[in-house]
Amino acid sequence: MFKNKRLLTWCLLILVTIFAGCKSRFEKLLQSNDTGKKYQEAIRFYNKKDYSKALALFDQLNQRYRGRSEAEELAWYYAYTNYRLRDYTTARYLFKVFADTYPNSARAEECRFMSAYCYYLESPSFSLDQQNTIQAIESLQLFINLYPKSDRVAEASTLIADLRDKLERKAFANAKLYLDIGGYDVQNYRSAVIAFKNVLRDYPDTKYAEEMEYLTVQAQYLFAENSLEIRQEERYGEVISLADDFIEDYPNSKHLKDVQNYKKKSAESIVKVQKLLASQQPAAAQKEKEKETESQQENKTSKDE
C-alpha cells in the first residue's frame, strides 16, 4: 500500500513538472524577441483553437509588424482571434480597420461583412436599448451597398429582416405599455392610439399590423369612454371610423367580434351622450342668461356712478 502511494506521488510530480514546463515554454516565448517564432506559434495556436494563447502573441505582434508584408495576414488573424473569443466589440472594430486599411484585399469583403455581423451578435433582447440593433442594420446595409453582387448579400438581408423585427417588437411593446397603464391617466389611452399609428406608419409591412390595429380600436374606445361627456361624441365617432377600417382590412380576424362590439357600443354611447347634453342645454342656457343679466346690471350701475 505504501509503495502504491509513493508511486502515485511520483506520477503527480511528473505531471506537475510537465505542465509547469509547458507553461514555462510559453512564458519564455512571450518574453523573447524572436518575432518570427512568435508569429508561427500564434498561427499554430490559432489553428489548434487555443485562442487565448494566440491572442497573447498577436497582441504583441500587432505593433511590431506594422508596415511589413505579413501585416495584412496578421490583422486578419488578430480580428478573428477576438471574434473566436467572443469579444465582438473588439472584433468588429478590427474587422472594420482591416477593410478600411486593405480595401483591395481579397479578404476586405469578408471583413466588412464580419464587422457588421459582430454588431448583429451584440444586438440585445428587444426589451433593452436597441442602439446596437440600429447600428447593425446600418452596417449590413452599407455592406450590401458596397458589395451588391456578393454571395453574402442574401444573408445580410436576412439579418436585417431579423433586426427590423426586433425593432418592431420594441416599438409595439412601447406602444402597448401606454394601453396597459391607461387606467392611471386617461391621456395614456390617447398616447397609445398615437403610438400604435406611428408604429404602423414606420413599419407598414409589420406582421403585428392586425394586432396593433385592433388595439388601436380598443385604446380609442377606452379613451372615449373615460372622457368628459362634451368630448365623447367626437371620440366615439373615431372608434367607429377605426372599427370600419379594421373590419374592411381583416374580415376574418379573430378580433372581428370584439371590434364590432366596440363599434356597436360606441354608436349607442353617442346617442346617449347626445340626449344627455340636450337635456342639459336648457339649464346651461338659463345660467348663461342669468350671467348676461348680471353683467348688464353691473354695467348700468357703473354708468350711474
C-alpha atoms as a PDB file:
ATOM      1  CA  MET A   1       0.000   0.000   0.000  1.00  0.00           C
ATOM      2  CA  PHE A   2       2.876   2.327   0.883  1.00  0.00           C
ATOM      3  CA  LYS A   3       4.527   1.560  -2.444  1.00  0.00           C
ATOM      4  CA  ASN A   4       1.312   2.369  -4.332  1.00  0.00           C
ATOM      5  CA  LYS A   5       1.004   5.757  -2.581  1.00  0.00           C
ATOM      6  CA  ARG A   6       4.623   6.504  -3.317  1.00  0.00           C
ATOM      7  CA  LEU A   7       4.131   5.622  -6.998  1.00  0.00           C
ATOM      8  CA  LEU A   8       1.043   7.843  -7.193  1.00  0.00           C
ATOM      9  CA  THR A   9       3.000  10.708  -5.633  1.00  0.00           C
ATOM     10  CA  TRP A  10       5.764  10.364  -8.207  1.00  0.00           C
ATOM     11  CA  CYS A  11       3.244  10.298 -11.052  1.00  0.00           C
ATOM     12  CA  LEU A  12       1.632  13.528  -9.799  1.00  0.00           C
ATOM     13  CA  LEU A  13       5.023  15.190  -9.506  1.00  0.00           C
ATOM     14  CA  ILE A  14       5.883  14.187 -13.054  1.00  0.00           C
ATOM     15  CA  LEU A  15       2.573  15.576 -14.357  1.00  0.00           C
ATOM     16  CA  VAL A  16       3.035  18.853 -12.468  1.00  0.00           C
ATOM     17  CA  THR A  17       6.572  19.129 -13.859  1.00  0.00           C
ATOM     18  CA  ILE A  18       5.322  18.530 -17.416  1.00  0.00           C
ATOM     19  CA  PHE A  19       2.567  21.161 -17.135  1.00  0.00           C
ATOM     20  CA  ALA A  20       4.942  23.594 -15.473  1.00  0.00           C
ATOM     21  CA  GLY A  21       7.394  23.027 -18.298  1.00  0.00           C
ATOM     22  CA  CYS A  22       4.750  23.761 -20.953  1.00  0.00           C
ATOM     23  CA  LYS A  23       3.737  26.941 -19.199  1.00  0.00           C
ATOM     24  CA  SER A  24       7.345  27.918 -18.819  1.00  0.00           C
ATOM     25  CA  ARG A  25       8.000  27.458 -22.548  1.00  0.00           C
ATOM     26  CA  PHE A  26       5.037  29.691 -23.440  1.00  0.00           C
ATOM     27  CA  GLU A  27       6.145  32.343 -20.966  1.00  0.00           C
ATOM     28  CA  LYS A  28       9.652  32.245 -22.433  1.00  0.00           C
ATOM     29  CA  LEU A  29       8.145  32.669 -25.900  1.00  0.00           C
ATOM     30  CA  LEU A  30       6.179  35.724 -24.735  1.00  0.00           C
ATOM     31  CA  GLN A  31       9.324  37.251 -23.245  1.00  0.00           C
ATOM     32  CA  SER A  32      11.556  36.528 -26.240  1.00  0.00           C
ATOM     33  CA  ASN A  33      12.411  38.922 -29.067  1.00  0.00           C
ATOM     34  CA  ASP A  34      12.013  36.281 -31.768  1.00  0.00           C
ATOM     35  CA  THR A  35       9.061  37.806 -33.633  1.00  0.00           C
ATOM     36  CA  GLY A  36       9.253  35.235 -36.419  1.00  0.00           C
ATOM     37  CA  LYS A  37       8.880  32.396 -33.925  1.00  0.00           C
ATOM     38  CA  LYS A  38       6.057  34.225 -32.175  1.00  0.00           C
ATOM     39  CA  TYR A  39       4.264  34.704 -35.472  1.00  0.00           C
ATOM     40  CA  GLN A  40       4.500  30.997 -36.363  1.00  0.00           C
ATOM     41  CA  GLU A  41       3.403  29.915 -32.893  1.00  0.00           C
ATOM     42  CA  ALA A  42       0.486  32.386 -32.833  1.00  0.00           C
ATOM     43  CA  ILE A  43      -0.904  30.918 -36.049  1.00  0.00           C
ATOM     44  CA  ARG A  44      -0.280  27.393 -34.750  1.00  0.00           C
ATOM     45  CA  PHE A  45      -2.191  28.154 -31.537  1.00  0.00           C
ATOM     46  CA  TYR A  46      -4.995  29.703 -33.604  1.00  0.00           C
ATOM     47  CA  ASN A  47      -5.287  26.606 -35.807  1.00  0.00           C
ATOM     48  CA  LYS A  48      -5.341  24.450 -32.659  1.00  0.00           C
ATOM     49  CA  LYS A  49      -8.199  26.659 -31.378  1.00  0.00           C
ATOM     50  CA  ASP A  50      -6.091  27.758 -28.420  1.00  0.00           C
ATOM     51  CA  TYR A  51      -7.275  31.306 -28.965  1.00  0.00           C
ATOM     52  CA  SER A  52      -6.215  32.733 -25.601  1.00  0.00           C
ATOM     53  CA  LYS A  53      -2.535  31.947 -26.242  1.00  0.00           C
ATOM     54  CA  ALA A  54      -2.836  33.047 -29.853  1.00  0.00           C
ATOM     55  CA  LEU A  55      -4.291  36.394 -28.713  1.00  0.00           C
ATOM     56  CA  ALA A  56      -1.465  36.973 -26.224  1.00  0.00           C
ATOM     57  CA  LEU A  57       1.034  36.621 -29.067  1.00  0.00           C
ATOM     58  CA  PHE A  58      -0.994  38.600 -31.622  1.00  0.00           C
ATOM     59  CA  ASP A  59      -1.309  41.453 -29.101  1.00  0.00           C
ATOM     60  CA  GLN A  60       2.496  41.715 -29.062  1.00  0.00           C
ATOM     61  CA  LEU A  61       2.951  41.259 -32.799  1.00  0.00           C
ATOM     62  CA  ASN A  62       0.300  43.729 -33.928  1.00  0.00           C
ATOM     63  CA  GLN A  63       2.521  46.791 -33.475  1.00  0.00           C
ATOM     64  CA  ARG A  64       5.807  45.139 -34.483  1.00  0.00           C
ATOM     65  CA  TYR A  65       4.577  44.001 -37.906  1.00  0.00           C
ATOM     66  CA  ARG A  66       3.020  47.303 -38.910  1.00  0.00           C
ATOM     67  CA  GLY A  67       4.100  48.209 -42.437  1.00  0.00           C
ATOM     68  CA  ARG A  68       5.545  44.767 -43.161  1.00  0.00           C
ATOM     69  CA  SER A  69       4.311  42.291 -45.762  1.00  0.00           C
ATOM     70  CA  GLU A  70       2.881  39.996 -43.088  1.00  0.00           C
ATOM     71  CA  ALA A  71       0.800  42.782 -41.543  1.00  0.00           C
ATOM     72  CA  GLU A  72      -2.313  42.056 -43.627  1.00  0.00           C
ATOM     73  CA  GLU A  73      -2.468  38.391 -42.705  1.00  0.00           C
ATOM     74  CA  LEU A  74      -1.693  39.229 -39.069  1.00  0.00           C
ATOM     75  CA  ALA A  75      -4.544  41.754 -38.965  1.00  0.00           C
ATOM     76  CA  TRP A  76      -6.939  39.130 -40.318  1.00  0.00           C
ATOM     77  CA  TYR A  77      -5.900  36.558 -37.690  1.00  0.00           C
ATOM     78  CA  TYR A  78      -5.973  39.178 -34.948  1.00  0.00           C
ATOM     79  CA  ALA A  79      -9.574  40.134 -35.746  1.00  0.00           C
ATOM     80  CA  TYR A  80     -10.733  36.540 -35.956  1.00  0.00           C
ATOM     81  CA  THR A  81      -8.985  35.587 -32.716  1.00  0.00           C
ATOM     82  CA  ASN A  82     -11.012  38.220 -30.858  1.00  0.00           C
ATOM     83  CA  TYR A  83     -14.120  37.011 -32.673  1.00  0.00           C
ATOM     84  CA  ARG A  84     -13.471  33.386 -31.640  1.00  0.00           C
ATOM     85  CA  LEU A  85     -13.090  34.564 -28.038  1.00  0.00           C
ATOM     86  CA  ARG A  86     -16.482  36.309 -28.377  1.00  0.00           C
ATOM     87  CA  ASP A  87     -15.070  39.769 -27.818  1.00  0.00           C
ATOM     88  CA  TYR A  88     -17.369  41.102 -30.520  1.00  0.00           C
ATOM     89  CA  THR A  89     -16.786  44.773 -29.709  1.00  0.00           C
ATOM     90  CA  THR A  90     -13.033  44.487 -30.348  1.00  0.00           C
ATOM     91  CA  ALA A  91     -13.541  42.113 -33.262  1.00  0.00           C
ATOM     92  CA  ARG A  92     -15.932  44.388 -35.158  1.00  0.00           C
ATOM     93  CA  TYR A  93     -13.514  47.270 -34.741  1.00  0.00           C
ATOM     94  CA  LEU A  94     -10.588  45.180 -36.031  1.00  0.00           C
ATOM     95  CA  PHE A  95     -12.608  43.814 -38.965  1.00  0.00           C
ATOM     96  CA  LYS A  96     -13.559  47.373 -39.935  1.00  0.00           C
ATOM     97  CA  VAL A  97      -9.956  48.547 -39.613  1.00  0.00           C
ATOM     98  CA  PHE A  98      -8.875  45.693 -41.883  1.00  0.00           C
ATOM     99  CA  ALA A  99     -11.483  46.580 -44.538  1.00  0.00           C
ATOM    100  CA  ASP A 100     -10.548  50.273 -44.381  1.00  0.00           C
ATOM    101  CA  THR A 101      -6.809  49.624 -44.399  1.00  0.00           C
ATOM    102  CA  TYR A 102      -6.802  46.950 -47.116  1.00  0.00           C
ATOM    103  CA  PRO A 103      -9.774  47.824 -49.368  1.00  0.00           C
ATOM    104  CA  ASN A 104      -8.274  45.929 -52.323  1.00  0.00           C
ATOM    105  CA  SER A 105      -7.580  42.781 -50.319  1.00  0.00           C
ATOM    106  CA  ALA A 106      -9.377  39.557 -51.245  1.00  0.00           C
ATOM    107  CA  ARG A 107     -10.461  39.494 -47.579  1.00  0.00           C
ATOM    108  CA  ALA A 108     -11.860  43.057 -47.473  1.00  0.00           C
ATOM    109  CA  GLU A 109     -15.400  41.985 -48.366  1.00  0.00           C
ATOM    110  CA  GLU A 110     -15.370  39.231 -45.769  1.00  0.00           C
ATOM    111  CA  CYS A 111     -14.095  41.581 -43.043  1.00  0.00           C
ATOM    112  CA  ARG A 112     -16.646  44.281 -43.897  1.00  0.00           C
ATOM    113  CA  PHE A 113     -19.381  41.681 -43.505  1.00  0.00           C
ATOM    114  CA  MET A 114     -17.910  40.307 -40.277  1.00  0.00           C
ATOM    115  CA  SER A 115     -17.748  43.797 -38.764  1.00  0.00           C
ATOM    116  CA  ALA A 116     -21.483  44.204 -39.412  1.00  0.00           C
ATOM    117  CA  TYR A 117     -22.153  40.653 -38.204  1.00  0.00           C
ATOM    118  CA  CYS A 118     -20.447  41.419 -34.887  1.00  0.00           C
ATOM    119  CA  TYR A 119     -22.891  44.303 -34.437  1.00  0.00           C
ATOM    120  CA  TYR A 120     -25.675  41.794 -35.128  1.00  0.00           C
ATOM    121  CA  LEU A 121     -24.330  39.452 -32.455  1.00  0.00           C
ATOM    122  CA  GLU A 122     -24.251  42.350 -29.971  1.00  0.00           C
ATOM    123  CA  SER A 123     -27.875  43.270 -30.633  1.00  0.00           C
ATOM    124  CA  PRO A 124     -29.681  42.732 -27.302  1.00  0.00           C
ATOM    125  CA  SER A 125     -33.131  41.451 -26.461  1.00  0.00           C
ATOM    126  CA  PHE A 126     -35.923  43.617 -27.896  1.00  0.00           C
ATOM    127  CA  SER A 127     -36.844  44.818 -24.392  1.00  0.00           C
ATOM    128  CA  LEU A 128     -33.466  46.575 -23.989  1.00  0.00           C
ATOM    129  CA  ASP A 129     -31.893  49.603 -25.656  1.00  0.00           C
ATOM    130  CA  GLN A 130     -31.641  48.992 -29.412  1.00  0.00           C
ATOM    131  CA  GLN A 131     -28.724  51.263 -30.389  1.00  0.00           C
ATOM    132  CA  ASN A 132     -26.586  48.274 -31.421  1.00  0.00           C
ATOM    133  CA  THR A 133     -29.514  46.921 -33.434  1.00  0.00           C
ATOM    134  CA  ILE A 134     -29.774  50.174 -35.379  1.00  0.00           C
ATOM    135  CA  GLN A 135     -26.009  50.241 -35.967  1.00  0.00           C
ATOM    136  CA  ALA A 136     -26.096  46.617 -37.110  1.00  0.00           C
ATOM    137  CA  ILE A 137     -28.785  47.417 -39.689  1.00  0.00           C
ATOM    138  CA  GLU A 138     -26.787  50.407 -40.945  1.00  0.00           C
ATOM    139  CA  SER A 139     -23.574  48.337 -41.182  1.00  0.00           C
ATOM    140  CA  LEU A 140     -25.264  45.463 -43.002  1.00  0.00           C
ATOM    141  CA  GLN A 141     -26.965  47.867 -45.398  1.00  0.00           C
ATOM    142  CA  LEU A 142     -23.598  49.536 -46.069  1.00  0.00           C
ATOM    143  CA  PHE A 143     -22.159  46.106 -46.884  1.00  0.00           C
ATOM    144  CA  ILE A 144     -24.989  45.455 -49.359  1.00  0.00           C
ATOM    145  CA  ASN A 145     -24.414  48.849 -50.954  1.00  0.00           C
ATOM    146  CA  LEU A 146     -20.663  48.279 -51.273  1.00  0.00           C
ATOM    147  CA  TYR A 147     -20.902  44.669 -52.472  1.00  0.00           C
ATOM    148  CA  PRO A 148     -24.295  44.296 -54.223  1.00  0.00           C
ATOM    149  CA  LYS A 149     -23.115  41.189 -56.109  1.00  0.00           C
ATOM    150  CA  SER A 150     -21.649  39.438 -53.080  1.00  0.00           C
ATOM    151  CA  ASP A 151     -22.758  35.926 -52.149  1.00  0.00           C
ATOM    152  CA  ARG A 152     -23.269  37.285 -48.645  1.00  0.00           C
ATOM    153  CA  VAL A 153     -25.993  39.781 -49.676  1.00  0.00           C
ATOM    154  CA  ALA A 154     -28.774  37.249 -49.116  1.00  0.00           C
ATOM    155  CA  GLU A 155     -27.519  36.507 -45.608  1.00  0.00           C
ATOM    156  CA  ALA A 156     -27.113  40.221 -44.864  1.00  0.00           C
ATOM    157  CA  SER A 157     -30.711  40.843 -45.999  1.00  0.00           C
ATOM    158  CA  THR A 158     -31.958  38.045 -43.753  1.00  0.00           C
ATOM    159  CA  LEU A 159     -30.082  39.501 -40.789  1.00  0.00           C
ATOM    160  CA  ILE A 160     -31.537  42.956 -41.482  1.00  0.00           C
ATOM    161  CA  ALA A 161     -35.047  41.491 -41.560  1.00  0.00           C
ATOM    162  CA  ASP A 162     -34.415  39.809 -38.214  1.00  0.00           C
ATOM    163  CA  LEU A 163     -33.119  43.055 -36.705  1.00  0.00           C
ATOM    164  CA  ARG A 164     -36.047  45.071 -38.068  1.00  0.00           C
ATOM    165  CA  ASP A 165     -38.429  42.568 -36.492  1.00  0.00           C
ATOM    166  CA  LYS A 166     -36.717  43.235 -33.173  1.00  0.00           C
ATOM    167  CA  LEU A 167     -37.225  46.982 -33.597  1.00  0.00           C
ATOM    168  CA  GLU A 168     -40.881  46.381 -34.481  1.00  0.00           C
ATOM    169  CA  ARG A 169     -41.363  44.295 -31.351  1.00  0.00           C
ATOM    170  CA  LYS A 170     -39.705  47.028 -29.286  1.00  0.00           C
ATOM    171  CA  ALA A 171     -41.944  49.723 -30.788  1.00  0.00           C
ATOM    172  CA  PHE A 172     -45.027  47.511 -30.367  1.00  0.00           C
ATOM    173  CA  ALA A 173     -44.178  46.837 -26.712  1.00  0.00           C
ATOM    174  CA  ASN A 174     -43.623  50.541 -26.020  1.00  0.00           C
ATOM    175  CA  ALA A 175     -46.962  51.450 -27.602  1.00  0.00           C
ATOM    176  CA  LYS A 176     -48.805  48.696 -25.731  1.00  0.00           C
ATOM    177  CA  LEU A 177     -47.333  49.937 -22.462  1.00  0.00           C
ATOM    178  CA  TYR A 178     -49.454  53.106 -22.763  1.00  0.00           C
ATOM    179  CA  LEU A 179     -52.546  50.940 -23.101  1.00  0.00           C
ATOM    180  CA  ASP A 180     -51.570  48.744 -20.140  1.00  0.00           C
ATOM    181  CA  ILE A 181     -51.126  51.724 -17.797  1.00  0.00           C
ATOM    182  CA  GLY A 182     -54.029  53.687 -19.240  1.00  0.00           C
ATOM    183  CA  GLY A 183     -56.123  53.477 -16.076  1.00  0.00           C
ATOM    184  CA  TYR A 184     -53.749  55.798 -14.246  1.00  0.00           C
ATOM    185  CA  ASP A 185     -54.371  58.659 -16.682  1.00  0.00           C
ATOM    186  CA  VAL A 186     -56.961  58.808 -19.460  1.00  0.00           C
ATOM    187  CA  GLN A 187     -54.423  60.535 -21.710  1.00  0.00           C
ATOM    188  CA  ASN A 188     -52.406  57.290 -21.753  1.00  0.00           C
ATOM    189  CA  TYR A 189     -55.124  55.794 -23.955  1.00  0.00           C
ATOM    190  CA  ARG A 190     -54.735  58.657 -26.404  1.00  0.00           C
ATOM    191  CA  SER A 191     -50.951  58.213 -26.302  1.00  0.00           C
ATOM    192  CA  ALA A 192     -51.447  54.509 -27.076  1.00  0.00           C
ATOM    193  CA  VAL A 193     -53.533  55.360 -30.153  1.00  0.00           C
ATOM    194  CA  ILE A 194     -50.868  57.763 -31.412  1.00  0.00           C
ATOM    195  CA  ALA A 195     -48.047  55.305 -30.671  1.00  0.00           C
ATOM    196  CA  PHE A 196     -49.767  52.422 -32.498  1.00  0.00           C
ATOM    197  CA  LYS A 197     -50.381  54.641 -35.529  1.00  0.00           C
ATOM    198  CA  ASN A 198     -46.731  55.730 -35.527  1.00  0.00           C
ATOM    199  CA  VAL A 199     -45.513  52.131 -35.464  1.00  0.00           C
ATOM    200  CA  LEU A 200     -47.824  51.228 -38.351  1.00  0.00           C
ATOM    201  CA  ARG A 201     -46.527  54.245 -40.269  1.00  0.00           C
ATOM    202  CA  ASP A 202     -42.869  53.389 -39.630  1.00  0.00           C
ATOM    203  CA  TYR A 203     -43.328  49.656 -40.304  1.00  0.00           C
ATOM    204  CA  PRO A 204     -46.158  49.387 -42.863  1.00  0.00           C
ATOM    205  CA  ASP A 205     -45.376  45.722 -43.585  1.00  0.00           C
ATOM    206  CA  THR A 206     -45.111  44.637 -39.958  1.00  0.00           C
ATOM    207  CA  LYS A 207     -46.521  41.239 -39.076  1.00  0.00           C
ATOM    208  CA  TYR A 208     -48.062  42.825 -35.976  1.00  0.00           C
ATOM    209  CA  ALA A 209     -50.305  45.136 -38.021  1.00  0.00           C
ATOM    210  CA  GLU A 210     -53.582  43.305 -37.322  1.00  0.00           C
ATOM    211  CA  GLU A 211     -52.922  43.122 -33.578  1.00  0.00           C
ATOM    212  CA  MET A 212     -51.937  46.779 -33.400  1.00  0.00           C
ATOM    213  CA  GLU A 213     -54.930  47.985 -35.396  1.00  0.00           C
ATOM    214  CA  TYR A 214     -57.202  46.024 -33.075  1.00  0.00           C
ATOM    215  CA  LEU A 215     -55.515  47.523 -30.001  1.00  0.00           C
ATOM    216  CA  THR A 216     -55.858  50.980 -31.583  1.00  0.00           C
ATOM    217  CA  VAL A 217     -59.644  50.488 -31.695  1.00  0.00           C
ATOM    218  CA  GLN A 218     -59.608  49.289 -28.097  1.00  0.00           C
ATOM    219  CA  ALA A 219     -57.454  52.182 -26.875  1.00  0.00           C
ATOM    220  CA  GLN A 220     -59.612  54.762 -28.657  1.00  0.00           C
ATOM    221  CA  TYR A 221     -62.766  53.240 -27.162  1.00  0.00           C
ATOM    222  CA  LEU A 222     -61.309  53.400 -23.636  1.00  0.00           C
ATOM    223  CA  PHE A 223     -60.187  56.973 -24.305  1.00  0.00           C
ATOM    224  CA  ALA A 224     -63.717  57.940 -25.364  1.00  0.00           C
ATOM    225  CA  GLU A 225     -65.355  56.047 -22.517  1.00  0.00           C
ATOM    226  CA  ASN A 226     -63.248  57.835 -19.888  1.00  0.00           C
ATOM    227  CA  SER A 227     -63.570  61.313 -21.417  1.00  0.00           C
ATOM    228  CA  LEU A 228     -65.830  64.184 -20.384  1.00  0.00           C
ATOM    229  CA  GLU A 229     -69.332  63.937 -21.885  1.00  0.00           C
ATOM    230  CA  ILE A 230     -68.793  67.007 -24.025  1.00  0.00           C
ATOM    231  CA  ARG A 231     -65.855  65.255 -25.741  1.00  0.00           C
ATOM    232  CA  GLN A 232     -67.324  61.785 -26.058  1.00  0.00           C
ATOM    233  CA  GLU A 233     -69.359  62.136 -29.240  1.00  0.00           C
ATOM    234  CA  GLU A 234     -66.306  63.029 -31.330  1.00  0.00           C
ATOM    235  CA  ARG A 235     -64.124  60.384 -29.701  1.00  0.00           C
ATOM    236  CA  TYR A 236     -66.686  57.606 -30.062  1.00  0.00           C
ATOM    237  CA  GLY A 237     -67.015  58.651 -33.682  1.00  0.00           C
ATOM    238  CA  GLU A 238     -63.292  58.000 -34.114  1.00  0.00           C
ATOM    239  CA  VAL A 239     -63.809  54.496 -32.662  1.00  0.00           C
ATOM    240  CA  ILE A 240     -66.429  53.783 -35.311  1.00  0.00           C
ATOM    241  CA  SER A 241     -64.136  55.042 -38.066  1.00  0.00           C
ATOM    242  CA  LEU A 242     -61.220  52.897 -36.854  1.00  0.00           C
ATOM    243  CA  ALA A 243     -63.531  49.900 -36.452  1.00  0.00           C
ATOM    244  CA  ASP A 244     -64.809  50.257 -40.027  1.00  0.00           C
ATOM    245  CA  ASP A 245     -61.227  50.302 -41.336  1.00  0.00           C
ATOM    246  CA  PHE A 246     -60.359  47.202 -39.314  1.00  0.00           C
ATOM    247  CA  ILE A 247     -63.450  45.282 -40.462  1.00  0.00           C
ATOM    248  CA  GLU A 248     -62.637  46.080 -44.066  1.00  0.00           C
ATOM    249  CA  ASP A 249     -58.955  45.127 -43.762  1.00  0.00           C
ATOM    250  CA  TYR A 250     -59.401  41.999 -41.610  1.00  0.00           C
ATOM    251  CA  PRO A 251     -62.831  40.440 -42.290  1.00  0.00           C
ATOM    252  CA  ASN A 252     -61.666  37.069 -40.952  1.00  0.00           C
ATOM    253  CA  SER A 253     -59.811  38.334 -37.894  1.00  0.00           C
ATOM    254  CA  LYS A 254     -60.106  36.602 -34.540  1.00  0.00           C
ATOM    255  CA  HIS A 255     -60.756  40.098 -33.126  1.00  0.00           C
ATOM    256  CA  LEU A 256     -63.663  40.813 -35.503  1.00  0.00           C
ATOM    257  CA  LYS A 257     -66.447  40.276 -32.931  1.00  0.00           C
ATOM    258  CA  ASP A 258     -64.708  42.467 -30.359  1.00  0.00           C
ATOM    259  CA  VAL A 259     -64.226  45.262 -32.897  1.00  0.00           C
ATOM    260  CA  GLN A 260     -67.861  45.027 -33.989  1.00  0.00           C
ATOM    261  CA  ASN A 261     -68.869  45.216 -30.343  1.00  0.00           C
ATOM    262  CA  TYR A 262     -66.746  48.346 -29.798  1.00  0.00           C
ATOM    263  CA  LYS A 263     -68.422  49.886 -32.829  1.00  0.00           C
ATOM    264  CA  LYS A 264     -71.909  48.999 -31.600  1.00  0.00           C
ATOM    265  CA  LYS A 265     -71.281  50.280 -28.078  1.00  0.00           C
ATOM    266  CA  SER A 266     -69.771  53.490 -29.465  1.00  0.00           C
ATOM    267  CA  ALA A 267     -72.835  54.158 -31.620  1.00  0.00           C
ATOM    268  CA  GLU A 268     -75.098  53.542 -28.605  1.00  0.00           C
ATOM    269  CA  SER A 269     -72.951  55.806 -26.427  1.00  0.00           C
ATOM    270  CA  ILE A 270     -73.147  58.617 -28.990  1.00  0.00           C
ATOM    271  CA  VAL A 271     -76.960  58.500 -28.817  1.00  0.00           C
ATOM    272  CA  LYS A 272     -76.854  58.545 -25.003  1.00  0.00           C
ATOM    273  CA  VAL A 273     -74.410  61.427 -24.752  1.00  0.00           C
ATOM    274  CA  GLN A 274     -76.382  63.446 -27.306  1.00  0.00           C
ATOM    275  CA  LYS A 275     -79.527  63.042 -25.200  1.00  0.00           C
ATOM    276  CA  LEU A 276     -77.629  63.892 -22.044  1.00  0.00           C
ATOM    277  CA  LEU A 277     -76.150  67.058 -23.493  1.00  0.00           C
ATOM    278  CA  ALA A 278     -79.518  68.062 -24.976  1.00  0.00           C
ATOM    279  CA  SER A 279     -81.167  67.720 -21.560  1.00  0.00           C
ATOM    280  CA  GLN A 280     -78.506  69.912 -20.020  1.00  0.00           C
ATOM    281  CA  GLN A 281     -78.890  72.678 -22.612  1.00  0.00           C
ATOM    282  CA  PRO A 282     -81.931  74.476 -21.011  1.00  0.00           C
ATOM    283  CA  ALA A 283     -80.164  74.639 -17.665  1.00  0.00           C
ATOM    284  CA  ALA A 284     -76.961  75.791 -19.313  1.00  0.00           C
ATOM    285  CA  ALA A 285     -78.876  78.375 -21.342  1.00  0.00           C
ATOM    286  CA  GLN A 286     -80.589  79.658 -18.160  1.00  0.00           C
ATOM    287  CA  LYS A 287     -77.256  80.018 -16.401  1.00  0.00           C
ATOM    288  CA  GLU A 288     -75.851  81.865 -19.389  1.00  0.00           C
ATOM    289  CA  LYS A 289     -78.890  84.219 -19.382  1.00  0.00           C
ATOM    290  CA  GLU A 290     -78.504  84.905 -15.672  1.00  0.00           C
ATOM    291  CA  LYS A 291     -74.811  85.713 -16.171  1.00  0.00           C
ATOM    292  CA  GLU A 292     -75.699  88.051 -19.029  1.00  0.00           C
ATOM    293  CA  THR A 293     -78.374  89.847 -16.924  1.00  0.00           C
ATOM    294  CA  GLU A 294     -75.960  90.189 -14.028  1.00  0.00           C
ATOM    295  CA  SER A 295     -73.337  91.644 -16.331  1.00  0.00           C
ATOM    296  CA  GLN A 296     -75.816  94.184 -17.741  1.00  0.00           C
ATOM    297  CA  GLN A 297     -76.804  95.286 -14.235  1.00  0.00           C
ATOM    298  CA  GLU A 298     -73.168  95.792 -13.288  1.00  0.00           C
ATOM    299  CA  ASN A 299     -72.610  97.920 -16.390  1.00  0.00           C
ATOM    300  CA  LYS A 300     -75.685 100.075 -15.590  1.00  0.00           C
ATOM    301  CA  THR A 301     -74.551 100.630 -12.011  1.00  0.00           C
ATOM    302  CA  SER A 302     -71.121 101.655 -13.276  1.00  0.00           C
ATOM    303  CA  LYS A 303     -72.616 104.231 -15.644  1.00  0.00           C
ATOM    304  CA  ASP A 304     -74.885 105.688 -12.913  1.00  0.00           C
ATOM    305  CA  GLU A 305     -71.879 106.210 -10.713  1.00  0.00           C
END
